Amino acid sequence: MHKAALALPLLLAACAAGEPVASDPAGSACNADGGKQFVGQLASSETGAAILSATNSQSLRWAPPGAMLTRDYRPDRVTVHLGPDQKITELDCG
């Protein structure tokens, strides 16, 4: 067997044994259920602030129709999807 093939399991084990990913501090995870009351409302800075509070999120991302969004997951972020009329159609976390 080739030496590189023997080393591969060791390299993979070393990667897996790295530092654990820190979890979010208690209380900073988004809860989309708290924002369902905003569906149908017009997007505004005031609505955004209320959504942050209601969902217990640390950051807010507006998602207008056709917007390309990153796929990175952030448990402390709420994403607010908008219709063409700038009304909120959906909220989700991440």
PDB file of N, CA and C in Angstrom:
ATOM      1  N   MET A   1       0.841  -1.181   0.000  1.00  0.00           N
ATOM      2  CA  MET A   1       0.000   0.000   0.000  1.00  0.00           C
ATOM      3  C   MET A   1       0.883   1.239   0.000  1.00  0.00           C
ATOM      4  N   HIS A   2       0.478   2.248  -0.673  1.00  0.00           N
ATOM      5  CA  HIS A   2       1.228   3.493  -0.807  1.00  0.00           C
ATOM      6  C   HIS A   2       1.273   4.226   0.530  1.00  0.00           C
ATOM      7  N   LYS A   3       2.418   4.855   0.853  1.00  0.00           N
ATOM      8  CA  LYS A   3       2.575   5.571   2.129  1.00  0.00           C
ATOM      9  C   LYS A   3       1.558   6.699   2.291  1.00  0.00           C
ATOM     10  N   ALA A   4       1.216   7.379   1.212  1.00  0.00           N
ATOM     11  CA  ALA A   4       0.246   8.472   1.287  1.00  0.00           C
ATOM     12  C   ALA A   4      -1.130   7.948   1.690  1.00  0.00           C
ATOM     13  N   ALA A   5      -1.488   6.771   1.207  1.00  0.00           N
ATOM     14  CA  ALA A   5      -2.778   6.180   1.561  1.00  0.00           C
ATOM     15  C   ALA A   5      -2.818   5.832   3.036  1.00  0.00           C
ATOM     16  N   LEU A   6      -1.680   5.436   3.595  1.00  0.00           N
ATOM     17  CA  LEU A   6      -1.625   5.127   5.021  1.00  0.00           C
ATOM     18  C   LEU A   6      -1.712   6.391   5.869  1.00  0.00           C
ATOM     19  N   ALA A   7      -1.211   7.496   5.368  1.00  0.00           N
ATOM     20  CA  ALA A   7      -1.195   8.743   6.127  1.00  0.00           C
ATOM     21  C   ALA A   7      -2.553   9.445   6.123  1.00  0.00           C
ATOM     22  N   LEU A   8      -3.381   9.164   5.124  1.00  0.00           N
ATOM     23  CA  LEU A   8      -4.670   9.855   5.004  1.00  0.00           C
ATOM     24  C   LEU A   8      -5.551   9.724   6.248  1.00  0.00           C
ATOM     25  N   PRO A   9      -5.743   8.514   6.809  1.00  0.00           N
ATOM     26  CA  PRO A   9      -6.577   8.428   8.019  1.00  0.00           C
ATOM     27  C   PRO A   9      -6.026   9.260   9.182  1.00  0.00           C
ATOM     28  N   LEU A  10      -4.717   9.337   9.287  1.00  0.00           N
ATOM     29  CA  LEU A  10      -4.112  10.134  10.356  1.00  0.00           C
ATOM     30  C   LEU A  10      -4.371  11.623  10.139  1.00  0.00           C
ATOM     31  N   LEU A  11      -4.281  12.074   8.887  1.00  0.00           N
ATOM     32  CA  LEU A  11      -4.546  13.482   8.587  1.00  0.00           C
ATOM     33  C   LEU A  11      -6.004  13.829   8.860  1.00  0.00           C
ATOM     34  N   LEU A  12      -6.907  12.938   8.464  1.00  0.00           N
ATOM     35  CA  LEU A  12      -8.323  13.189   8.709  1.00  0.00           C
ATOM     36  C   LEU A  12      -8.635  13.210  10.201  1.00  0.00           C
ATOM     37  N   ALA A  13      -8.011  12.327  10.949  1.00  0.00           N
ATOM     38  CA  ALA A  13      -8.221  12.299  12.400  1.00  0.00           C
ATOM     39  C   ALA A  13      -7.698  13.577  13.035  1.00  0.00           C
ATOM     40  N   ALA A  14      -6.586  14.097  12.546  1.00  0.00           N
ATOM     41  CA  ALA A  14      -6.030  15.336  13.089  1.00  0.00           C
ATOM     42  C   ALA A  14      -6.978  16.503  12.832  1.00  0.00           C
ATOM     43  N   CYS A  15      -7.604  16.533  11.658  1.00  0.00           N
ATOM     44  CA  CYS A  15      -8.556  17.598  11.357  1.00  0.00           C
ATOM     45  C   CYS A  15      -9.779  17.501  12.253  1.00  0.00           C
ATOM     46  N   ALA A  16     -10.259  16.297  12.472  1.00  0.00           N
ATOM     47  CA  ALA A  16     -11.456  16.099  13.290  1.00  0.00           C
ATOM     48  C   ALA A  16     -11.195  16.415  14.752  1.00  0.00           C
ATOM     49  N   ALA A  17      -9.948  16.323  15.179  1.00  0.00           N
ATOM     50  CA  ALA A  17      -9.625  16.553  16.586  1.00  0.00           C
ATOM     51  C   ALA A  17      -9.359  18.018  16.886  1.00  0.00           C
ATOM     52  N   GLY A  18      -9.626  18.919  15.945  1.00  0.00           N
ATOM     53  CA  GLY A  18      -9.389  20.347  16.151  1.00  0.00           C
ATOM     54  C   GLY A  18     -10.271  20.922  17.236  1.00  0.00           C
ATOM     55  N   GLU A  19     -10.147  22.194  17.449  1.00  0.00           N
ATOM     56  CA  GLU A  19     -10.923  22.889  18.478  1.00  0.00           C
ATOM     57  C   GLU A  19     -12.411  22.795  18.167  1.00  0.00           C
ATOM     58  N   PRO A  20     -13.241  22.547  19.168  1.00  0.00           N
ATOM     59  CA  PRO A  20     -14.682  22.521  18.916  1.00  0.00           C
ATOM     60  C   PRO A  20     -15.189  23.907  18.567  1.00  0.00           C
ATOM     61  N   VAL A  21     -16.226  23.942  17.767  1.00  0.00           N
ATOM     62  CA  VAL A  21     -16.833  25.207  17.391  1.00  0.00           C
ATOM     63  C   VAL A  21     -17.624  25.724  18.582  1.00  0.00           C
ATOM     64  N   ALA A  22     -17.391  26.972  18.939  1.00  0.00           N
ATOM     65  CA  ALA A  22     -18.092  27.555  20.081  1.00  0.00           C
ATOM     66  C   ALA A  22     -19.564  27.731  19.754  1.00  0.00           C
ATOM     67  N   SER A  23     -20.409  27.363  20.687  1.00  0.00           N
ATOM     68  CA  SER A  23     -21.837  27.575  20.479  1.00  0.00           C
ATOM     69  C   SER A  23     -22.189  28.989  20.884  1.00  0.00           C
ATOM     70  N   ASP A  24     -23.351  29.419  20.452  1.00  0.00           N
ATOM     71  CA  ASP A  24     -23.801  30.760  20.792  1.00  0.00           C
ATOM     72  C   ASP A  24     -24.065  30.864  22.279  1.00  0.00           C
ATOM     73  N   PRO A  25     -23.804  32.020  22.854  1.00  0.00           N
ATOM     74  CA  PRO A  25     -24.143  32.203  24.258  1.00  0.00           C
ATOM     75  C   PRO A  25     -25.649  32.044  24.447  1.00  0.00           C
ATOM     76  N   ALA A  26     -26.014  31.611  25.614  1.00  0.00           N
ATOM     77  CA  ALA A  26     -27.436  31.402  25.902  1.00  0.00           C
ATOM     78  C   ALA A  26     -28.230  32.667  25.606  1.00  0.00           C
ATOM     79  N   GLY A  27     -29.354  32.485  24.944  1.00  0.00           N
ATOM     80  CA  GLY A  27     -30.241  33.602  24.703  1.00  0.00           C
ATOM     81  C   GLY A  27     -30.011  34.359  23.410  1.00  0.00           C
ATOM     82  N   SER A  28     -29.003  33.992  22.613  1.00  0.00           N
ATOM     83  CA  SER A  28     -28.764  34.756  21.395  1.00  0.00           C
ATOM     84  C   SER A  28     -29.268  34.049  20.137  1.00  0.00           C
ATOM     85  N   ALA A  29     -29.861  32.884  20.278  1.00  0.00           N
ATOM     86  CA  ALA A  29     -30.349  32.163  19.109  1.00  0.00           C
ATOM     87  C   ALA A  29     -31.692  32.734  18.652  1.00  0.00           C
ATOM     88  N   CYS A  30     -31.838  32.846  17.353  1.00  0.00           N
ATOM     89  CA  CYS A  30     -33.062  33.361  16.734  1.00  0.00           C
ATOM     90  C   CYS A  30     -34.231  32.403  16.959  1.00  0.00           C
ATOM     91  N   ASN A  31     -35.416  32.963  17.135  1.00  0.00           N
ATOM     92  CA  ASN A  31     -36.652  32.194  17.248  1.00  0.00           C
ATOM     93  C   ASN A  31     -37.652  32.807  16.265  1.00  0.00           C
ATOM     94  N   ALA A  32     -37.767  32.214  15.081  1.00  0.00           N
ATOM     95  CA  ALA A  32     -38.602  32.777  14.015  1.00  0.00           C
ATOM     96  C   ALA A  32     -40.078  32.846  14.396  1.00  0.00           C
ATOM     97  N   ASP A  33     -40.526  31.981  15.291  1.00  0.00           N
ATOM     98  CA  ASP A  33     -41.941  32.005  15.686  1.00  0.00           C
ATOM     99  C   ASP A  33     -42.332  33.359  16.271  1.00  0.00           C
ATOM    100  N   GLY A  34     -41.390  34.027  16.928  1.00  0.00           N
ATOM    101  CA  GLY A  34     -41.672  35.338  17.497  1.00  0.00           C
ATOM    102  C   GLY A  34     -41.927  36.412  16.457  1.00  0.00           C
ATOM    103  N   GLY A  35     -41.549  36.161  15.202  1.00  0.00           N
ATOM    104  CA  GLY A  35     -41.704  37.163  14.160  1.00  0.00           C
ATOM    105  C   GLY A  35     -42.871  36.936  13.219  1.00  0.00           C
ATOM    106  N   LYS A  36     -43.606  35.866  13.407  1.00  0.00           N
ATOM    107  CA  LYS A  36     -44.715  35.546  12.491  1.00  0.00           C
ATOM    108  C   LYS A  36     -45.766  36.651  12.453  1.00  0.00           C
ATOM    109  N   GLN A  37     -45.889  37.413  13.513  1.00  0.00           N
ATOM    110  CA  GLN A  37     -46.869  38.505  13.564  1.00  0.00           C
ATOM    111  C   GLN A  37     -46.571  39.620  12.560  1.00  0.00           C
ATOM    112  N   PHE A  38     -45.345  39.664  12.014  1.00  0.00           N
ATOM    113  CA  PHE A  38     -44.950  40.726  11.094  1.00  0.00           C
ATOM    114  C   PHE A  38     -45.220  40.391   9.627  1.00  0.00           C
ATOM    115  N   VAL A  39     -45.595  39.138   9.337  1.00  0.00           N
ATOM    116  CA  VAL A  39     -45.907  38.754   7.955  1.00  0.00           C
ATOM    117  C   VAL A  39     -47.073  39.616   7.468  1.00  0.00           C
ATOM    118  N   GLY A  40     -46.883  40.222   6.294  1.00  0.00           N
ATOM    119  CA  GLY A  40     -47.892  41.097   5.707  1.00  0.00           C
ATOM    120  C   GLY A  40     -47.637  42.574   5.970  1.00  0.00           C
ATOM    121  N   GLN A  41     -46.730  42.873   6.902  1.00  0.00           N
ATOM    122  CA  GLN A  41     -46.425  44.273   7.193  1.00  0.00           C
ATOM    123  C   GLN A  41     -45.372  44.813   6.227  1.00  0.00           C
ATOM    124  N   LEU A  42     -45.371  46.107   6.053  1.00  0.00           N
ATOM    125  CA  LEU A  42     -44.418  46.785   5.192  1.00  0.00           C
ATOM    126  C   LEU A  42     -43.043  46.822   5.864  1.00  0.00           C
ATOM    127  N   ALA A  43     -42.001  46.567   5.100  1.00  0.00           N
ATOM    128  CA  ALA A  43     -40.636  46.613   5.633  1.00  0.00           C
ATOM    129  C   ALA A  43     -40.239  48.047   5.953  1.00  0.00           C
ATOM    130  N   SER A  44     -39.655  48.247   7.115  1.00  0.00           N
ATOM    131  CA  SER A  44     -39.148  49.561   7.519  1.00  0.00           C
ATOM    132  C   SER A  44     -38.107  49.342   8.609  1.00  0.00           C
ATOM    133  N   SER A  45     -37.363  50.377   8.925  1.00  0.00           N
ATOM    134  CA  SER A  45     -36.365  50.246   9.986  1.00  0.00           C
ATOM    135  C   SER A  45     -37.046  49.975  11.325  1.00  0.00           C
ATOM    136  N   GLU A  46     -38.220  50.562  11.540  1.00  0.00           N
ATOM    137  CA  GLU A  46     -38.952  50.325  12.783  1.00  0.00           C
ATOM    138  C   GLU A  46     -39.417  48.868  12.872  1.00  0.00           C
ATOM    139  N   THR A  47     -39.926  48.343  11.754  1.00  0.00           N
ATOM    140  CA  THR A  47     -40.357  46.951  11.728  1.00  0.00           C
ATOM    141  C   THR A  47     -39.162  46.030  11.953  1.00  0.00           C
ATOM    142  N   GLY A  48     -38.042  46.354  11.319  1.00  0.00           N
ATOM    143  CA  GLY A  48     -36.831  45.559  11.494  1.00  0.00           C
ATOM    144  C   GLY A  48     -36.386  45.500  12.949  1.00  0.00           C
ATOM    145  N   ALA A  49     -36.412  46.635  13.633  1.00  0.00           N
ATOM    146  CA  ALA A  49     -36.031  46.671  15.050  1.00  0.00           C
ATOM    147  C   ALA A  49     -36.985  45.828  15.887  1.00  0.00           C
ATOM    148  N   ALA A  50     -38.273  45.897  15.573  1.00  0.00           N
ATOM    149  CA  ALA A  50     -39.260  45.109  16.306  1.00  0.00           C
ATOM    150  C   ALA A  50     -39.066  43.614  16.046  1.00  0.00           C
ATOM    151  N   ILE A  51     -38.696  43.258  14.813  1.00  0.00           N
ATOM    152  CA  ILE A  51     -38.446  41.855  14.471  1.00  0.00           C
ATOM    153  C   ILE A  51     -37.238  41.340  15.235  1.00  0.00           C
ATOM    154  N   LEU A  52     -36.181  42.131  15.302  1.00  0.00           N
ATOM    155  CA  LEU A  52     -34.999  41.721  16.063  1.00  0.00           C
ATOM    156  C   LEU A  52     -35.370  41.401  17.503  1.00  0.00           C
ATOM    157  N   SER A  53     -36.144  42.274  18.096  1.00  0.00           N
ATOM    158  CA  SER A  53     -36.550  42.074  19.481  1.00  0.00           C
ATOM    159  C   SER A  53     -37.457  40.854  19.633  1.00  0.00           C
ATOM    160  N   ALA A  54     -38.448  40.730  18.762  1.00  0.00           N
ATOM    161  CA  ALA A  54     -39.425  39.646  18.869  1.00  0.00           C
ATOM    162  C   ALA A  54     -38.812  38.270  18.610  1.00  0.00           C
ATOM    163  N   THR A  55     -37.770  38.207  17.787  1.00  0.00           N
ATOM    164  CA  THR A  55     -37.147  36.923  17.453  1.00  0.00           C
ATOM    165  C   THR A  55     -35.900  36.643  18.277  1.00  0.00           C
ATOM    166  N   ASN A  56     -35.530  37.565  19.134  1.00  0.00           N
ATOM    167  CA  ASN A  56     -34.340  37.423  19.979  1.00  0.00           C
ATOM    168  C   ASN A  56     -33.071  37.281  19.134  1.00  0.00           C
ATOM    169  N   SER A  57     -33.031  37.947  17.989  1.00  0.00           N
ATOM    170  CA  SER A  57     -31.892  37.848  17.073  1.00  0.00           C
ATOM    171  C   SER A  57     -30.903  38.987  17.306  1.00  0.00           C
ATOM    172  N   GLN A  58     -29.669  38.738  16.923  1.00  0.00           N
ATOM    173  CA  GLN A  58     -28.627  39.751  17.014  1.00  0.00           C
ATOM    174  C   GLN A  58     -28.450  40.511  15.709  1.00  0.00           C
ATOM    175  N   SER A  59     -28.845  39.888  14.591  1.00  0.00           N
ATOM    176  CA  SER A  59     -28.727  40.574  13.305  1.00  0.00           C
ATOM    177  C   SER A  59     -29.912  40.230  12.416  1.00  0.00           C
ATOM    178  N   LEU A  60     -30.186  41.130  11.481  1.00  0.00           N
ATOM    179  CA  LEU A  60     -31.321  40.998  10.579  1.00  0.00           C
ATOM    180  C   LEU A  60     -30.827  41.115   9.145  1.00  0.00           C
ATOM    181  N   ARG A  61     -31.379  40.276   8.289  1.00  0.00           N
ATOM    182  CA  ARG A  61     -31.031  40.322   6.868  1.00  0.00           C
ATOM    183  C   ARG A  61     -32.317  40.436   6.071  1.00  0.00           C
ATOM    184  N   TRP A  62     -32.429  41.520   5.282  1.00  0.00           N
ATOM    185  CA  TRP A  62     -33.580  41.705   4.396  1.00  0.00           C
ATOM    186  C   TRP A  62     -33.327  40.905   3.128  1.00  0.00           C
ATOM    187  N   ALA A  63     -34.344  40.236   2.629  1.00  0.00           N
ATOM    188  CA  ALA A  63     -34.230  39.433   1.412  1.00  0.00           C
ATOM    189  C   ALA A  63     -35.317  39.855   0.421  1.00  0.00           C
ATOM    190  N   PRO A  64     -35.039  40.889  -0.389  1.00  0.00           N
ATOM    191  CA  PRO A  64     -36.012  41.309  -1.398  1.00  0.00           C
ATOM    192  C   PRO A  64     -36.142  40.240  -2.484  1.00  0.00           C
ATOM    193  N   PRO A  65     -37.199  40.300  -3.292  1.00  0.00           N
ATOM    194  CA  PRO A  65     -37.401  39.300  -4.338  1.00  0.00           C
ATOM    195  C   PRO A  65     -36.187  39.209  -5.269  1.00  0.00           C
ATOM    196  N   GLY A  66     -35.778  37.985  -5.540  1.00  0.00           N
ATOM    197  CA  GLY A  66     -34.664  37.754  -6.461  1.00  0.00           C
ATOM    198  C   GLY A  66     -33.285  37.977  -5.876  1.00  0.00           C
ATOM    199  N   ALA A  67     -33.196  38.347  -4.603  1.00  0.00           N
ATOM    200  CA  ALA A  67     -31.889  38.605  -3.986  1.00  0.00           C
ATOM    201  C   ALA A  67     -31.124  37.298  -3.836  1.00  0.00           C
ATOM    202  N   MET A  68     -29.834  37.378  -4.083  1.00  0.00           N
ATOM    203  CA  MET A  68     -28.959  36.232  -3.849  1.00  0.00           C
ATOM    204  C   MET A  68     -28.419  36.366  -2.434  1.00  0.00           C
ATOM    205  N   LEU A  69     -28.587  35.317  -1.641  1.00  0.00           N
ATOM    206  CA  LEU A  69     -28.160  35.332  -0.250  1.00  0.00           C
ATOM    207  C   LEU A  69     -27.050  34.323  -0.034  1.00  0.00           C
ATOM    208  N   THR A  70     -26.171  34.622   0.906  1.00  0.00           N
ATOM    209  CA  THR A  70     -25.149  33.646   1.273  1.00  0.00           C
ATOM    210  C   THR A  70     -25.825  32.486   1.973  1.00  0.00           C
ATOM    211  N   ARG A  71     -25.185  31.342   1.940  1.00  0.00           N
ATOM    212  CA  ARG A  71     -25.764  30.153   2.557  1.00  0.00           C
ATOM    213  C   ARG A  71     -25.143  29.863   3.910  1.00  0.00           C
ATOM    214  N   ASP A  72     -24.358  30.788   4.421  1.00  0.00           N
ATOM    215  CA  ASP A  72     -23.767  30.567   5.735  1.00  0.00           C
ATOM    216  C   ASP A  72     -24.860  30.579   6.793  1.00  0.00           C
ATOM    217  N   TYR A  73     -24.743  29.695   7.758  1.00  0.00           N
ATOM    218  CA  TYR A  73     -25.758  29.600   8.802  1.00  0.00           C
ATOM    219  C   TYR A  73     -25.299  30.376  10.021  1.00  0.00           C
ATOM    220  N   ARG A  74     -26.135  31.280  10.475  1.00  0.00           N
ATOM    221  CA  ARG A  74     -25.866  32.056  11.683  1.00  0.00           C
ATOM    222  C   ARG A  74     -27.077  31.933  12.594  1.00  0.00           C
ATOM    223  N   PRO A  75     -26.948  31.215  13.694  1.00  0.00           N
ATOM    224  CA  PRO A  75     -28.099  30.997  14.572  1.00  0.00           C
ATOM    225  C   PRO A  75     -28.633  32.262  15.228  1.00  0.00           C
ATOM    226  N   ASP A  76     -27.865  33.339  15.169  1.00  0.00           N
ATOM    227  CA  ASP A  76     -28.308  34.596  15.793  1.00  0.00           C
ATOM    228  C   ASP A  76     -28.911  35.577  14.786  1.00  0.00           C
ATOM    229  N   ARG A  77     -29.141  35.115  13.539  1.00  0.00           N
ATOM    230  CA  ARG A  77     -29.634  36.003  12.484  1.00  0.00           C
ATOM    231  C   ARG A  77     -31.036  35.608  12.035  1.00  0.00           C
ATOM    232  N   VAL A  78     -31.877  36.621  11.814  1.00  0.00           N
ATOM    233  CA  VAL A  78     -33.201  36.407  11.226  1.00  0.00           C
ATOM    234  C   VAL A  78     -33.164  36.968   9.807  1.00  0.00           C
ATOM    235  N   THR A  79     -33.698  36.203   8.867  1.00  0.00           N
ATOM    236  CA  THR A  79     -33.807  36.642   7.483  1.00  0.00           C
ATOM    237  C   THR A  79     -35.272  36.955   7.206  1.00  0.00           C
ATOM    238  N   VAL A  80     -35.509  38.155   6.708  1.00  0.00           N
ATOM    239  CA  VAL A  80     -36.867  38.625   6.441  1.00  0.00           C
ATOM    240  C   VAL A  80     -37.052  38.685   4.927  1.00  0.00           C
ATOM    241  N   HIS A  81     -37.909  37.820   4.406  1.00  0.00           N
ATOM    242  CA  HIS A  81     -38.177  37.750   2.968  1.00  0.00           C
ATOM    243  C   HIS A  81     -39.282  38.743   2.624  1.00  0.00           C
ATOM    244  N   LEU A  82     -39.075  39.453   1.520  1.00  0.00           N
ATOM    245  CA  LEU A  82     -40.023  40.491   1.094  1.00  0.00           C
ATOM    246  C   LEU A  82     -40.639  40.156  -0.257  1.00  0.00           C
ATOM    247  N   GLY A  83     -41.875  40.582  -0.434  1.00  0.00           N
ATOM    248  CA  GLY A  83     -42.536  40.468  -1.722  1.00  0.00           C
ATOM    249  C   GLY A  83     -42.219  41.690  -2.568  1.00  0.00           C
ATOM    250  N   PRO A  84     -42.683  41.734  -3.812  1.00  0.00           N
ATOM    251  CA  PRO A  84     -42.407  42.868  -4.694  1.00  0.00           C
ATOM    252  C   PRO A  84     -42.989  44.182  -4.178  1.00  0.00           C
ATOM    253  N   ASP A  85     -43.964  44.096  -3.289  1.00  0.00           N
ATOM    254  CA  ASP A  85     -44.574  45.294  -2.705  1.00  0.00           C
ATOM    255  C   ASP A  85     -43.878  45.738  -1.413  1.00  0.00           C
ATOM    256  N   GLN A  86     -42.731  45.117  -1.118  1.00  0.00           N
ATOM    257  CA  GLN A  86     -41.934  45.405   0.086  1.00  0.00           C
ATOM    258  C   GLN A  86     -42.640  44.997   1.374  1.00  0.00           C
ATOM    259  N   LYS A  87     -43.596  44.085   1.260  1.00  0.00           N
ATOM    260  CA  LYS A  87     -44.250  43.529   2.449  1.00  0.00           C
ATOM    261  C   LYS A  87     -43.577  42.223   2.810  1.00  0.00           C
ATOM    262  N   ILE A  88     -43.553  41.934   4.087  1.00  0.00           N
ATOM    263  CA  ILE A  88     -42.896  40.731   4.607  1.00  0.00           C
ATOM    264  C   ILE A  88     -43.749  39.513   4.259  1.00  0.00           C
ATOM    265  N   THR A  89     -43.081  38.525   3.639  1.00  0.00           N
ATOM    266  CA  THR A  89     -43.777  37.298   3.250  1.00  0.00           C
ATOM    267  C   THR A  89     -43.400  36.111   4.130  1.00  0.00           C
ATOM    268  N   GLU A  90     -42.213  36.177   4.744  1.00  0.00           N
ATOM    269  CA  GLU A  90     -41.719  35.027   5.500  1.00  0.00           C
ATOM    270  C   GLU A  90     -40.530  35.461   6.341  1.00  0.00           C
ATOM    271  N   LEU A  91     -40.329  34.795   7.453  1.00  0.00           N
ATOM    272  CA  LEU A  91     -39.142  34.998   8.288  1.00  0.00           C
ATOM    273  C   LEU A  91     -38.552  33.632   8.601  1.00  0.00           C
ATOM    274  N   ASP A  92     -37.225  33.558   8.602  1.00  0.00           N
ATOM    275  CA  ASP A  92     -36.577  32.332   9.054  1.00  0.00           C
ATOM    276  C   ASP A  92     -35.244  32.675   9.708  1.00  0.00           C
ATOM    277  N   CYS A  93     -34.733  31.733  10.438  1.00  0.00           N
ATOM    278  CA  CYS A  93     -33.477  31.948  11.157  1.00  0.00           C
ATOM    279  C   CYS A  93     -32.315  31.354  10.382  1.00  0.00           C
ATOM    280  N   GLY A  94     -31.171  31.900  10.637  1.00  0.00           N
ATOM    281  CA  GLY A  94     -29.965  31.368  10.003  1.00  0.00           C
ATOM    282  C   GLY A  94     -29.311  32.397   9.195  1.00  0.00           C
TER     283      GLY A  94
END
